[in-house]
Amino acid sequence: MTGHGGEIEGVAVAPSTAGGPRSLGGPADAAEVPGGRTVSGRSGRHRRFPAHRRAPGRRRVGAVRVRLGLGLLGVLLVLAFAGPYLTSWRWDAVDLTAFRRPPSARHWLGTTQTGRDMYVLTLRGLRASLVTGLFVAVSATGLATVTGAVAGYFGGWADRGLTGVAELLLVLPPLLVVATLAPALHGAGLPVLAPLLAAFMWMVTARVVRGMTLSLRDREYVLAARLLGVRPVAIILRHIVPHLAPLLIVDVTLNVSTAVIAETSLSYLGFGARPPDVSLGTVIADGAPSAGAFPWLFLPPVIVLVLLVFAVTLVGDGLRDVLRRPA
């Protein structure tokens, strides 16, 4: 054993300014990785890599999520639109000899308390919820793109007015508004509910689009287009919206799951699809009181709803990782 700067049983010890040898693996061994995180300890434990080295792995995982989500979503889409044709029962047909019958060769998922086939009824509800979710998501993202880009590009009164409307709608609870309007819209169903949902789902994205537009409008190519006399609408469509594409793609995807959950919840409460039409929310609402004694009235639409939201969320999260730019 030697003194300072020597060796302890064959292990080199750096000289200490505090009067003694440094402890191995302690805080003094921490090293700063340029552009990344701290690497702690000589053994490499708790090692964290820079963001640009972690990005490929994140993208690979994101790509796997996208493929899994799209595969599951494709199966659900095929079932929603082609599945009902695999059986002879229509969604509104009634079997007077089978009330609350369990799954069988005649009725694959059983029958309801009114004798309707649960298999066809569930797929009919899935189709209605899917169409509503897609319409709401595309409409909300489109509205957010227009308002955010206009507010950010023009500024002034357009910015103040559109931002004020967005902030006002942000403080209003959508469920309360729809419930308040429900008596006046009695019987309107999904054709009215879908635009109402879209009207309350664009504000947050619009604020993000506005902020990005504020930074993009001062870029050289945008200024050059202005000097050449290009119209503002053309500048927004050609030079600003393409840079927003990754954000908008992820937003419209995640909005589908949000819209499906919102539509299902409102239909469950009686504010959505109106009889005789159905959605996943109405099928779940009809089967919930008898779920304990007759589980086939409740479980099929719930499982389909969970799979739908899970698939869309997988696609959205995966796209966010794939399209994210490295820091």
C-alpha atoms as a PDB file:
ATOM      1  CA  MET A   1       0.000   0.000   0.000  1.00  0.00           C
ATOM      2  CA  THR A   2       1.359   3.357  -1.041  1.00  0.00           C
ATOM      3  CA  GLY A   3       0.487   6.968  -0.235  1.00  0.00           C
ATOM      4  CA  HIS A   4      -1.248   9.597  -2.289  1.00  0.00           C
ATOM      5  CA  GLY A   5      -1.117   9.056  -6.040  1.00  0.00           C
ATOM      6  CA  GLY A   6       0.006   5.433  -5.559  1.00  0.00           C
ATOM      7  CA  GLU A   7      -1.828   2.170  -5.874  1.00  0.00           C
ATOM      8  CA  ILE A   8      -4.081   0.177  -3.563  1.00  0.00           C
ATOM      9  CA  GLU A   9      -3.774  -3.527  -4.294  1.00  0.00           C
ATOM     10  CA  GLY A  10      -3.032  -2.893  -7.936  1.00  0.00           C
ATOM     11  CA  VAL A  11      -5.740  -0.274  -8.514  1.00  0.00           C
ATOM     12  CA  ALA A  12      -4.597   3.194  -9.547  1.00  0.00           C
ATOM     13  CA  VAL A  13      -5.886   5.988  -7.348  1.00  0.00           C
ATOM     14  CA  ALA A  14      -5.819   9.603  -8.522  1.00  0.00           C
ATOM     15  CA  PRO A  15      -4.336  12.169  -6.201  1.00  0.00           C
ATOM     16  CA  SER A  16      -6.842  13.933  -3.987  1.00  0.00           C
ATOM     17  CA  THR A  17      -6.859  17.653  -3.362  1.00  0.00           C
ATOM     18  CA  ALA A  18      -8.674  17.036  -0.105  1.00  0.00           C
ATOM     19  CA  GLY A  19      -5.775  15.117   1.399  1.00  0.00           C
ATOM     20  CA  GLY A  20      -6.793  11.517   0.749  1.00  0.00           C
ATOM     21  CA  PRO A  21      -7.604   9.062  -1.997  1.00  0.00           C
ATOM     22  CA  ARG A  22     -10.855   9.400  -3.884  1.00  0.00           C
ATOM     23  CA  SER A  23     -13.441   6.704  -3.350  1.00  0.00           C
ATOM     24  CA  LEU A  24     -13.956   4.480  -6.369  1.00  0.00           C
ATOM     25  CA  GLY A  25     -17.277   4.878  -8.167  1.00  0.00           C
ATOM     26  CA  GLY A  26     -18.256   7.901  -6.099  1.00  0.00           C
ATOM     27  CA  PRO A  27     -19.476  11.280  -7.235  1.00  0.00           C
ATOM     28  CA  ALA A  28     -15.922  12.304  -8.152  1.00  0.00           C
ATOM     29  CA  ASP A  29     -15.960   9.723 -10.963  1.00  0.00           C
ATOM     30  CA  ALA A  30     -18.972  11.297 -12.685  1.00  0.00           C
ATOM     31  CA  ALA A  31     -18.220  12.481 -16.184  1.00  0.00           C
ATOM     32  CA  GLU A  32     -20.224  14.853 -18.321  1.00  0.00           C
ATOM     33  CA  VAL A  33     -21.009  13.594 -21.819  1.00  0.00           C
ATOM     34  CA  PRO A  34     -21.124  16.480 -24.296  1.00  0.00           C
ATOM     35  CA  GLY A  35     -24.674  17.050 -25.515  1.00  0.00           C
ATOM     36  CA  GLY A  36     -26.064  14.288 -23.325  1.00  0.00           C
ATOM     37  CA  ARG A  37     -26.540  13.087 -19.792  1.00  0.00           C
ATOM     38  CA  THR A  38     -24.045  12.397 -16.982  1.00  0.00           C
ATOM     39  CA  VAL A  39     -22.292   9.016 -17.032  1.00  0.00           C
ATOM     40  CA  SER A  40     -21.808   7.914 -13.436  1.00  0.00           C
ATOM     41  CA  GLY A  41     -19.239   5.416 -12.146  1.00  0.00           C
ATOM     42  CA  ARG A  42     -16.328   3.584 -13.790  1.00  0.00           C
ATOM     43  CA  SER A  43     -18.288   0.375 -14.067  1.00  0.00           C
ATOM     44  CA  GLY A  44     -20.689   2.028 -16.515  1.00  0.00           C
ATOM     45  CA  ARG A  45     -23.726   1.486 -14.339  1.00  0.00           C
ATOM     46  CA  HIS A  46     -26.594   3.981 -14.773  1.00  0.00           C
ATOM     47  CA  ARG A  47     -25.042   5.030 -18.084  1.00  0.00           C
ATOM     48  CA  ARG A  48     -27.273   7.328 -20.139  1.00  0.00           C
ATOM     49  CA  PHE A  49     -26.590   8.232 -23.714  1.00  0.00           C
ATOM     50  CA  PRO A  50     -27.069  11.470 -25.629  1.00  0.00           C
ATOM     51  CA  ALA A  51     -30.452  12.158 -27.191  1.00  0.00           C
ATOM     52  CA  HIS A  52     -29.172  11.681 -30.752  1.00  0.00           C
ATOM     53  CA  ARG A  53     -27.932   8.176 -29.834  1.00  0.00           C
ATOM     54  CA  ARG A  54     -31.232   7.225 -28.197  1.00  0.00           C
ATOM     55  CA  ALA A  55     -33.336   8.475 -31.135  1.00  0.00           C
ATOM     56  CA  PRO A  56     -32.828   5.461 -33.477  1.00  0.00           C
ATOM     57  CA  GLY A  57     -33.970   3.053 -30.782  1.00  0.00           C
ATOM     58  CA  ARG A  58     -36.999   5.193 -30.022  1.00  0.00           C
ATOM     59  CA  ARG A  59     -37.862   5.319 -33.709  1.00  0.00           C
ATOM     60  CA  ARG A  60     -37.590   1.546 -34.054  1.00  0.00           C
ATOM     61  CA  VAL A  61     -39.908   1.011 -31.110  1.00  0.00           C
ATOM     62  CA  GLY A  62     -42.265   3.620 -32.522  1.00  0.00           C
ATOM     63  CA  ALA A  63     -42.311   1.876 -35.900  1.00  0.00           C
ATOM     64  CA  VAL A  64     -43.224  -1.406 -34.219  1.00  0.00           C
ATOM     65  CA  ARG A  65     -46.054   0.330 -32.371  1.00  0.00           C
ATOM     66  CA  VAL A  66     -47.347   1.841 -35.600  1.00  0.00           C
ATOM     67  CA  ARG A  67     -47.365  -1.532 -37.359  1.00  0.00           C
ATOM     68  CA  LEU A  68     -49.108  -3.274 -34.468  1.00  0.00           C
ATOM     69  CA  GLY A  69     -51.661  -0.501 -34.122  1.00  0.00           C
ATOM     70  CA  LEU A  70     -52.374  -0.345 -37.852  1.00  0.00           C
ATOM     71  CA  GLY A  71     -52.746  -4.121 -37.993  1.00  0.00           C
ATOM     72  CA  LEU A  72     -55.255  -4.173 -35.152  1.00  0.00           C
ATOM     73  CA  LEU A  73     -57.042  -1.124 -36.533  1.00  0.00           C
ATOM     74  CA  GLY A  74     -57.247  -2.774 -39.954  1.00  0.00           C
ATOM     75  CA  VAL A  75     -58.874  -5.859 -38.438  1.00  0.00           C
ATOM     76  CA  LEU A  76     -61.428  -3.689 -36.636  1.00  0.00           C
ATOM     77  CA  LEU A  77     -62.179  -1.732 -39.820  1.00  0.00           C
ATOM     78  CA  VAL A  78     -62.759  -4.942 -41.775  1.00  0.00           C
ATOM     79  CA  LEU A  79     -65.024  -6.270 -39.036  1.00  0.00           C
ATOM     80  CA  ALA A  80     -66.961  -3.018 -38.814  1.00  0.00           C
ATOM     81  CA  PHE A  81     -67.733  -2.797 -42.520  1.00  0.00           C
ATOM     82  CA  ALA A  82     -67.569  -6.407 -43.753  1.00  0.00           C
ATOM     83  CA  GLY A  83     -68.210  -8.412 -40.584  1.00  0.00           C
ATOM     84  CA  PRO A  84     -72.015  -8.026 -40.580  1.00  0.00           C
ATOM     85  CA  TYR A  85     -72.197  -9.725 -43.998  1.00  0.00           C
ATOM     86  CA  LEU A  86     -70.747 -12.927 -42.531  1.00  0.00           C
ATOM     87  CA  THR A  87     -74.076 -13.700 -40.874  1.00  0.00           C
ATOM     88  CA  SER A  88     -77.648 -13.690 -42.093  1.00  0.00           C
ATOM     89  CA  TRP A  89     -78.869 -11.464 -39.262  1.00  0.00           C
ATOM     90  CA  ARG A  90     -79.370  -7.748 -39.739  1.00  0.00           C
ATOM     91  CA  TRP A  91     -78.590  -5.288 -36.961  1.00  0.00           C
ATOM     92  CA  ASP A  92     -82.268  -4.297 -36.618  1.00  0.00           C
ATOM     93  CA  ALA A  93     -83.717  -7.805 -37.031  1.00  0.00           C
ATOM     94  CA  VAL A  94     -85.461  -9.413 -34.057  1.00  0.00           C
ATOM     95  CA  ASP A  95     -85.463 -13.123 -33.266  1.00  0.00           C
ATOM     96  CA  LEU A  96     -88.729 -13.693 -31.418  1.00  0.00           C
ATOM     97  CA  THR A  97     -87.571 -17.142 -30.304  1.00  0.00           C
ATOM     98  CA  ALA A  98     -84.342 -15.982 -28.644  1.00  0.00           C
ATOM     99  CA  PHE A  99     -84.350 -13.398 -25.879  1.00  0.00           C
ATOM    100  CA  ARG A 100     -81.136 -13.009 -23.867  1.00  0.00           C
ATOM    101  CA  ARG A 101     -79.781 -16.239 -25.275  1.00  0.00           C
ATOM    102  CA  PRO A 102     -76.060 -16.971 -24.719  1.00  0.00           C
ATOM    103  CA  PRO A 103     -73.634 -17.281 -27.641  1.00  0.00           C
ATOM    104  CA  SER A 104     -74.436 -20.168 -29.957  1.00  0.00           C
ATOM    105  CA  ALA A 105     -74.032 -21.304 -33.562  1.00  0.00           C
ATOM    106  CA  ARG A 106     -77.193 -19.370 -34.429  1.00  0.00           C
ATOM    107  CA  HIS A 107     -76.182 -16.157 -32.646  1.00  0.00           C
ATOM    108  CA  TRP A 108     -72.389 -15.980 -32.310  1.00  0.00           C
ATOM    109  CA  LEU A 109     -72.358 -13.450 -29.462  1.00  0.00           C
ATOM    110  CA  GLY A 110     -75.824 -14.148 -28.095  1.00  0.00           C
ATOM    111  CA  THR A 111     -78.935 -11.991 -28.245  1.00  0.00           C
ATOM    112  CA  THR A 112     -80.218  -8.935 -26.409  1.00  0.00           C
ATOM    113  CA  GLN A 113     -83.296  -8.612 -24.235  1.00  0.00           C
ATOM    114  CA  THR A 114     -85.251  -7.688 -27.376  1.00  0.00           C
ATOM    115  CA  GLY A 115     -83.936 -10.581 -29.467  1.00  0.00           C
ATOM    116  CA  ARG A 116     -81.389  -8.654 -31.541  1.00  0.00           C
ATOM    117  CA  ASP A 117     -78.135 -10.333 -32.557  1.00  0.00           C
ATOM    118  CA  MET A 118     -75.247  -9.056 -30.402  1.00  0.00           C
ATOM    119  CA  TYR A 119     -72.583  -9.805 -33.013  1.00  0.00           C
ATOM    120  CA  VAL A 120     -74.149  -7.639 -35.703  1.00  0.00           C
ATOM    121  CA  LEU A 121     -75.258  -5.032 -33.169  1.00  0.00           C
ATOM    122  CA  THR A 122     -71.732  -4.659 -31.772  1.00  0.00           C
ATOM    123  CA  LEU A 123     -70.195  -4.280 -35.233  1.00  0.00           C
ATOM    124  CA  ARG A 124     -72.869  -1.749 -36.186  1.00  0.00           C
ATOM    125  CA  GLY A 125     -71.975   0.243 -33.084  1.00  0.00           C
ATOM    126  CA  LEU A 126     -68.268  -0.067 -33.899  1.00  0.00           C
ATOM    127  CA  ARG A 127     -68.860   1.345 -37.378  1.00  0.00           C
ATOM    128  CA  ALA A 128     -70.852   4.294 -36.033  1.00  0.00           C
ATOM    129  CA  SER A 129     -68.210   5.100 -33.410  1.00  0.00           C
ATOM    130  CA  LEU A 130     -65.385   4.766 -35.950  1.00  0.00           C
ATOM    131  CA  VAL A 131     -67.022   7.073 -38.491  1.00  0.00           C
ATOM    132  CA  THR A 132     -67.851   9.607 -35.783  1.00  0.00           C
ATOM    133  CA  GLY A 133     -64.328   9.489 -34.358  1.00  0.00           C
ATOM    134  CA  LEU A 134     -62.693   9.963 -37.756  1.00  0.00           C
ATOM    135  CA  PHE A 135     -65.003  12.846 -38.663  1.00  0.00           C
ATOM    136  CA  VAL A 136     -64.443  14.617 -35.351  1.00  0.00           C
ATOM    137  CA  ALA A 137     -60.668  14.104 -35.442  1.00  0.00           C
ATOM    138  CA  VAL A 138     -60.211  15.366 -39.001  1.00  0.00           C
ATOM    139  CA  SER A 139     -62.584  18.294 -38.444  1.00  0.00           C
ATOM    140  CA  ALA A 140     -60.946  19.351 -35.166  1.00  0.00           C
ATOM    141  CA  THR A 141     -57.414  19.129 -36.549  1.00  0.00           C
ATOM    142  CA  GLY A 142     -58.408  20.984 -39.715  1.00  0.00           C
ATOM    143  CA  LEU A 143     -60.058  23.746 -37.698  1.00  0.00           C
ATOM    144  CA  ALA A 144     -57.014  23.983 -35.435  1.00  0.00           C
ATOM    145  CA  THR A 145     -54.705  24.243 -38.439  1.00  0.00           C
ATOM    146  CA  VAL A 146     -56.700  27.041 -40.060  1.00  0.00           C
ATOM    147  CA  THR A 147     -57.205  29.123 -36.925  1.00  0.00           C
ATOM    148  CA  GLY A 148     -53.679  28.633 -35.584  1.00  0.00           C
ATOM    149  CA  ALA A 149     -51.992  29.394 -38.903  1.00  0.00           C
ATOM    150  CA  VAL A 150     -54.141  32.473 -39.563  1.00  0.00           C
ATOM    151  CA  ALA A 151     -53.625  33.821 -36.042  1.00  0.00           C
ATOM    152  CA  GLY A 152     -49.880  33.233 -36.129  1.00  0.00           C
ATOM    153  CA  TYR A 153     -49.256  34.514 -39.645  1.00  0.00           C
ATOM    154  CA  PHE A 154     -51.380  37.669 -39.669  1.00  0.00           C
ATOM    155  CA  GLY A 155     -51.192  38.634 -35.988  1.00  0.00           C
ATOM    156  CA  GLY A 156     -53.007  41.782 -34.900  1.00  0.00           C
ATOM    157  CA  TRP A 157     -56.763  41.645 -34.551  1.00  0.00           C
ATOM    158  CA  ALA A 158     -56.948  38.199 -36.169  1.00  0.00           C
ATOM    159  CA  ASP A 159     -54.571  36.807 -33.556  1.00  0.00           C
ATOM    160  CA  ARG A 160     -56.353  38.489 -30.665  1.00  0.00           C
ATOM    161  CA  GLY A 161     -59.816  37.461 -31.851  1.00  0.00           C
ATOM    162  CA  LEU A 162     -59.058  33.816 -32.596  1.00  0.00           C
ATOM    163  CA  THR A 163     -56.957  33.407 -29.459  1.00  0.00           C
ATOM    164  CA  GLY A 164     -59.772  34.883 -27.383  1.00  0.00           C
ATOM    165  CA  VAL A 165     -62.297  32.448 -28.851  1.00  0.00           C
ATOM    166  CA  ALA A 166     -59.968  29.517 -28.168  1.00  0.00           C
ATOM    167  CA  GLU A 167     -59.389  30.572 -24.561  1.00  0.00           C
ATOM    168  CA  LEU A 168     -63.127  31.024 -24.026  1.00  0.00           C
ATOM    169  CA  LEU A 169     -63.921  27.543 -25.314  1.00  0.00           C
ATOM    170  CA  LEU A 170     -61.131  26.040 -23.219  1.00  0.00           C
ATOM    171  CA  VAL A 171     -62.888  27.022 -19.994  1.00  0.00           C
ATOM    172  CA  LEU A 172     -66.255  25.580 -21.066  1.00  0.00           C
ATOM    173  CA  PRO A 173     -66.812  21.907 -20.145  1.00  0.00           C
ATOM    174  CA  PRO A 174     -67.926  20.126 -23.340  1.00  0.00           C
ATOM    175  CA  LEU A 175     -70.083  17.565 -21.535  1.00  0.00           C
ATOM    176  CA  LEU A 176     -72.026  20.290 -19.728  1.00  0.00           C
ATOM    177  CA  VAL A 177     -72.549  22.240 -22.950  1.00  0.00           C
ATOM    178  CA  VAL A 178     -73.805  19.181 -24.827  1.00  0.00           C
ATOM    179  CA  ALA A 179     -76.062  18.209 -21.928  1.00  0.00           C
ATOM    180  CA  THR A 180     -77.487  21.735 -21.873  1.00  0.00           C
ATOM    181  CA  LEU A 181     -78.157  21.694 -25.611  1.00  0.00           C
ATOM    182  CA  ALA A 182     -79.552  18.154 -25.585  1.00  0.00           C
ATOM    183  CA  PRO A 183     -83.215  19.099 -24.941  1.00  0.00           C
ATOM    184  CA  ALA A 184     -83.198  21.508 -27.883  1.00  0.00           C
ATOM    185  CA  LEU A 185     -81.471  18.924 -30.087  1.00  0.00           C
ATOM    186  CA  HIS A 186     -83.600  15.967 -29.010  1.00  0.00           C
ATOM    187  CA  GLY A 187     -83.621  13.286 -31.660  1.00  0.00           C
ATOM    188  CA  ALA A 188     -80.795  14.792 -33.715  1.00  0.00           C
ATOM    189  CA  GLY A 189     -78.298  12.078 -32.737  1.00  0.00           C
ATOM    190  CA  LEU A 190     -74.765  11.671 -34.083  1.00  0.00           C
ATOM    191  CA  PRO A 191     -75.076  14.118 -37.038  1.00  0.00           C
ATOM    192  CA  VAL A 192     -75.312  16.955 -34.501  1.00  0.00           C
ATOM    193  CA  LEU A 193     -73.149  15.459 -31.752  1.00  0.00           C
ATOM    194  CA  ALA A 194     -70.118  15.019 -34.042  1.00  0.00           C
ATOM    195  CA  PRO A 195     -69.803  18.723 -35.020  1.00  0.00           C
ATOM    196  CA  LEU A 196     -70.310  19.706 -31.381  1.00  0.00           C
ATOM    197  CA  LEU A 197     -67.440  17.469 -30.304  1.00  0.00           C
ATOM    198  CA  ALA A 198     -65.215  18.859 -33.052  1.00  0.00           C
ATOM    199  CA  ALA A 199     -66.021  22.390 -31.885  1.00  0.00           C
ATOM    200  CA  PHE A 200     -64.491  21.623 -28.467  1.00  0.00           C
ATOM    201  CA  MET A 201     -61.372  19.687 -29.532  1.00  0.00           C
ATOM    202  CA  TRP A 202     -59.351  22.139 -31.637  1.00  0.00           C
ATOM    203  CA  MET A 203     -58.202  24.809 -29.177  1.00  0.00           C
ATOM    204  CA  VAL A 204     -55.051  23.244 -27.695  1.00  0.00           C
ATOM    205  CA  THR A 205     -53.693  22.221 -31.082  1.00  0.00           C
ATOM    206  CA  ALA A 206     -54.506  25.659 -32.493  1.00  0.00           C
ATOM    207  CA  ARG A 207     -52.329  27.297 -29.845  1.00  0.00           C
ATOM    208  CA  VAL A 208     -49.429  25.007 -30.737  1.00  0.00           C
ATOM    209  CA  VAL A 209     -49.907  25.692 -34.457  1.00  0.00           C
ATOM    210  CA  ARG A 210     -50.004  29.435 -33.747  1.00  0.00           C
ATOM    211  CA  GLY A 211     -46.702  29.281 -31.865  1.00  0.00           C
ATOM    212  CA  MET A 212     -45.001  27.319 -34.623  1.00  0.00           C
ATOM    213  CA  THR A 213     -46.377  29.677 -37.271  1.00  0.00           C
ATOM    214  CA  LEU A 214     -44.985  32.669 -35.390  1.00  0.00           C
ATOM    215  CA  SER A 215     -41.492  31.197 -35.703  1.00  0.00           C
ATOM    216  CA  LEU A 216     -41.922  30.035 -39.300  1.00  0.00           C
ATOM    217  CA  ARG A 217     -43.235  33.310 -40.691  1.00  0.00           C
ATOM    218  CA  ASP A 218     -39.856  35.003 -40.129  1.00  0.00           C
ATOM    219  CA  ARG A 219     -37.853  32.383 -42.031  1.00  0.00           C
ATOM    220  CA  GLU A 220     -35.970  33.473 -45.136  1.00  0.00           C
ATOM    221  CA  TYR A 221     -38.085  31.518 -47.605  1.00  0.00           C
ATOM    222  CA  VAL A 222     -41.306  32.994 -46.197  1.00  0.00           C
ATOM    223  CA  LEU A 223     -39.897  36.528 -46.354  1.00  0.00           C
ATOM    224  CA  ALA A 224     -38.731  35.887 -49.915  1.00  0.00           C
ATOM    225  CA  ALA A 225     -42.201  34.697 -50.911  1.00  0.00           C
ATOM    226  CA  ARG A 226     -43.690  37.867 -49.450  1.00  0.00           C
ATOM    227  CA  LEU A 227     -41.287  40.043 -51.412  1.00  0.00           C
ATOM    228  CA  LEU A 228     -42.236  38.189 -54.593  1.00  0.00           C
ATOM    229  CA  GLY A 229     -45.889  39.051 -54.007  1.00  0.00           C
ATOM    230  CA  VAL A 230     -47.131  35.543 -53.201  1.00  0.00           C
ATOM    231  CA  ARG A 231     -50.563  35.612 -51.597  1.00  0.00           C
ATOM    232  CA  PRO A 232     -50.738  34.874 -47.843  1.00  0.00           C
ATOM    233  CA  VAL A 233     -52.983  31.851 -48.376  1.00  0.00           C
ATOM    234  CA  ALA A 234     -50.464  30.345 -50.786  1.00  0.00           C
ATOM    235  CA  ILE A 235     -47.595  31.047 -48.379  1.00  0.00           C
ATOM    236  CA  ILE A 236     -49.446  29.323 -45.542  1.00  0.00           C
ATOM    237  CA  LEU A 237     -50.294  26.283 -47.667  1.00  0.00           C
ATOM    238  CA  ARG A 238     -46.895  25.924 -49.355  1.00  0.00           C
ATOM    239  CA  HIS A 239     -44.386  27.036 -46.745  1.00  0.00           C
ATOM    240  CA  ILE A 240     -46.000  26.747 -43.299  1.00  0.00           C
ATOM    241  CA  VAL A 241     -48.454  23.843 -43.269  1.00  0.00           C
ATOM    242  CA  PRO A 242     -45.893  21.310 -44.641  1.00  0.00           C
ATOM    243  CA  HIS A 243     -43.650  22.048 -41.645  1.00  0.00           C
ATOM    244  CA  LEU A 244     -46.612  21.354 -39.355  1.00  0.00           C
ATOM    245  CA  ALA A 245     -47.344  17.964 -40.941  1.00  0.00           C
ATOM    246  CA  PRO A 246     -45.726  15.761 -38.229  1.00  0.00           C
ATOM    247  CA  LEU A 247     -47.667  17.563 -35.496  1.00  0.00           C
ATOM    248  CA  LEU A 248     -50.944  17.384 -37.430  1.00  0.00           C
ATOM    249  CA  ILE A 249     -50.570  13.694 -38.299  1.00  0.00           C
ATOM    250  CA  VAL A 250     -50.037  12.736 -34.667  1.00  0.00           C
ATOM    251  CA  ASP A 251     -52.800  15.080 -33.518  1.00  0.00           C
ATOM    252  CA  VAL A 252     -55.446  13.734 -35.872  1.00  0.00           C
ATOM    253  CA  THR A 253     -54.541  10.169 -34.896  1.00  0.00           C
ATOM    254  CA  LEU A 254     -54.776  10.746 -31.150  1.00  0.00           C
ATOM    255  CA  ASN A 255     -57.943  12.798 -31.626  1.00  0.00           C
ATOM    256  CA  VAL A 256     -59.662   9.710 -33.017  1.00  0.00           C
ATOM    257  CA  SER A 257     -59.380   7.884 -29.690  1.00  0.00           C
ATOM    258  CA  THR A 258     -60.418  10.997 -27.769  1.00  0.00           C
ATOM    259  CA  ALA A 259     -63.451  11.469 -30.007  1.00  0.00           C
ATOM    260  CA  VAL A 260     -64.453   7.805 -29.762  1.00  0.00           C
ATOM    261  CA  ILE A 261     -64.307   7.919 -25.962  1.00  0.00           C
ATOM    262  CA  ALA A 262     -66.264  11.193 -25.871  1.00  0.00           C
ATOM    263  CA  GLU A 263     -68.922   9.924 -28.280  1.00  0.00           C
ATOM    264  CA  THR A 264     -69.248   6.638 -26.409  1.00  0.00           C
ATOM    265  CA  SER A 265     -69.595   8.430 -23.076  1.00  0.00           C
ATOM    266  CA  LEU A 266     -72.239  10.829 -24.375  1.00  0.00           C
ATOM    267  CA  SER A 267     -74.147   8.044 -26.127  1.00  0.00           C
ATOM    268  CA  TYR A 268     -74.012   6.038 -22.903  1.00  0.00           C
ATOM    269  CA  LEU A 269     -75.649   8.990 -21.141  1.00  0.00           C
ATOM    270  CA  GLY A 270     -78.298   9.308 -23.853  1.00  0.00           C
ATOM    271  CA  PHE A 271     -76.921  12.335 -25.734  1.00  0.00           C
ATOM    272  CA  GLY A 272     -75.537  10.508 -28.763  1.00  0.00           C
ATOM    273  CA  ALA A 273     -77.011   7.953 -31.142  1.00  0.00           C
ATOM    274  CA  ARG A 274     -80.796   7.842 -31.084  1.00  0.00           C
ATOM    275  CA  PRO A 275     -82.906   4.675 -31.477  1.00  0.00           C
ATOM    276  CA  PRO A 276     -83.184   2.668 -33.609  1.00  0.00           C
ATOM    277  CA  ASP A 277     -79.570   3.486 -34.548  1.00  0.00           C
ATOM    278  CA  VAL A 278     -76.772   2.365 -32.236  1.00  0.00           C
ATOM    279  CA  SER A 279     -73.176   3.112 -31.300  1.00  0.00           C
ATOM    280  CA  LEU A 280     -70.822   1.378 -28.908  1.00  0.00           C
ATOM    281  CA  GLY A 281     -72.051   3.694 -26.156  1.00  0.00           C
ATOM    282  CA  THR A 282     -75.717   2.754 -26.565  1.00  0.00           C
ATOM    283  CA  VAL A 283     -74.925  -0.971 -26.789  1.00  0.00           C
ATOM    284  CA  ILE A 284     -72.883  -0.737 -23.586  1.00  0.00           C
ATOM    285  CA  ALA A 285     -75.632   1.277 -21.893  1.00  0.00           C
ATOM    286  CA  ASP A 286     -78.281  -1.298 -22.821  1.00  0.00           C
ATOM    287  CA  GLY A 287     -76.205  -4.198 -21.540  1.00  0.00           C
ATOM    288  CA  ALA A 288     -74.785  -2.610 -18.374  1.00  0.00           C
ATOM    289  CA  PRO A 289     -77.817  -3.264 -16.101  1.00  0.00           C
ATOM    290  CA  SER A 290     -77.722  -6.986 -16.949  1.00  0.00           C
ATOM    291  CA  ALA A 291     -73.943  -7.388 -17.099  1.00  0.00           C
ATOM    292  CA  GLY A 292     -73.793  -9.644 -14.041  1.00  0.00           C
ATOM    293  CA  ALA A 293     -76.442 -12.134 -15.120  1.00  0.00           C
ATOM    294  CA  PHE A 294     -75.957 -11.858 -18.885  1.00  0.00           C
ATOM    295  CA  PRO A 295     -72.324 -10.871 -19.515  1.00  0.00           C
ATOM    296  CA  TRP A 296     -72.569 -11.328 -23.306  1.00  0.00           C
ATOM    297  CA  LEU A 297     -74.787  -8.217 -23.382  1.00  0.00           C
ATOM    298  CA  PHE A 298     -71.968  -6.071 -21.973  1.00  0.00           C
ATOM    299  CA  LEU A 299     -68.557  -7.606 -22.654  1.00  0.00           C
ATOM    300  CA  PRO A 300     -68.448  -7.644 -26.505  1.00  0.00           C
ATOM    301  CA  PRO A 301     -68.917  -3.877 -27.009  1.00  0.00           C
ATOM    302  CA  VAL A 302     -66.585  -3.091 -24.095  1.00  0.00           C
ATOM    303  CA  ILE A 303     -63.829  -5.320 -25.476  1.00  0.00           C
ATOM    304  CA  VAL A 304     -64.235  -3.828 -28.955  1.00  0.00           C
ATOM    305  CA  LEU A 305     -64.075  -0.300 -27.514  1.00  0.00           C
ATOM    306  CA  VAL A 306     -60.903  -1.084 -25.555  1.00  0.00           C
ATOM    307  CA  LEU A 307     -59.259  -2.639 -28.621  1.00  0.00           C
ATOM    308  CA  LEU A 308     -60.211   0.340 -30.789  1.00  0.00           C
ATOM    309  CA  VAL A 309     -58.830   2.925 -28.380  1.00  0.00           C
ATOM    310  CA  PHE A 310     -55.721   0.804 -27.783  1.00  0.00           C
ATOM    311  CA  ALA A 311     -55.040   0.456 -31.525  1.00  0.00           C
ATOM    312  CA  VAL A 312     -55.447   4.162 -32.253  1.00  0.00           C
ATOM    313  CA  THR A 313     -53.304   5.104 -29.255  1.00  0.00           C
ATOM    314  CA  LEU A 314     -50.560   2.720 -30.404  1.00  0.00           C
ATOM    315  CA  VAL A 315     -50.541   4.339 -33.841  1.00  0.00           C
ATOM    316  CA  GLY A 316     -50.513   7.859 -32.391  1.00  0.00           C
ATOM    317  CA  ASP A 317     -47.734   7.209 -29.883  1.00  0.00           C
ATOM    318  CA  GLY A 318     -45.691   5.347 -32.472  1.00  0.00           C
ATOM    319  CA  LEU A 319     -46.016   8.137 -35.032  1.00  0.00           C
ATOM    320  CA  ARG A 320     -44.965  10.659 -32.407  1.00  0.00           C
ATOM    321  CA  ASP A 321     -41.740   8.721 -31.798  1.00  0.00           C
ATOM    322  CA  VAL A 322     -41.066   8.123 -35.497  1.00  0.00           C
ATOM    323  CA  LEU A 323     -41.700  11.718 -36.578  1.00  0.00           C
ATOM    324  CA  ARG A 324     -39.969  13.370 -33.623  1.00  0.00           C
ATOM    325  CA  ARG A 325     -36.878  15.274 -34.640  1.00  0.00           C
ATOM    326  CA  PRO A 326     -33.723  14.546 -32.612  1.00  0.00           C
ATOM    327  CA  ALA A 327     -32.690  17.305 -30.237  1.00  0.00           C
END
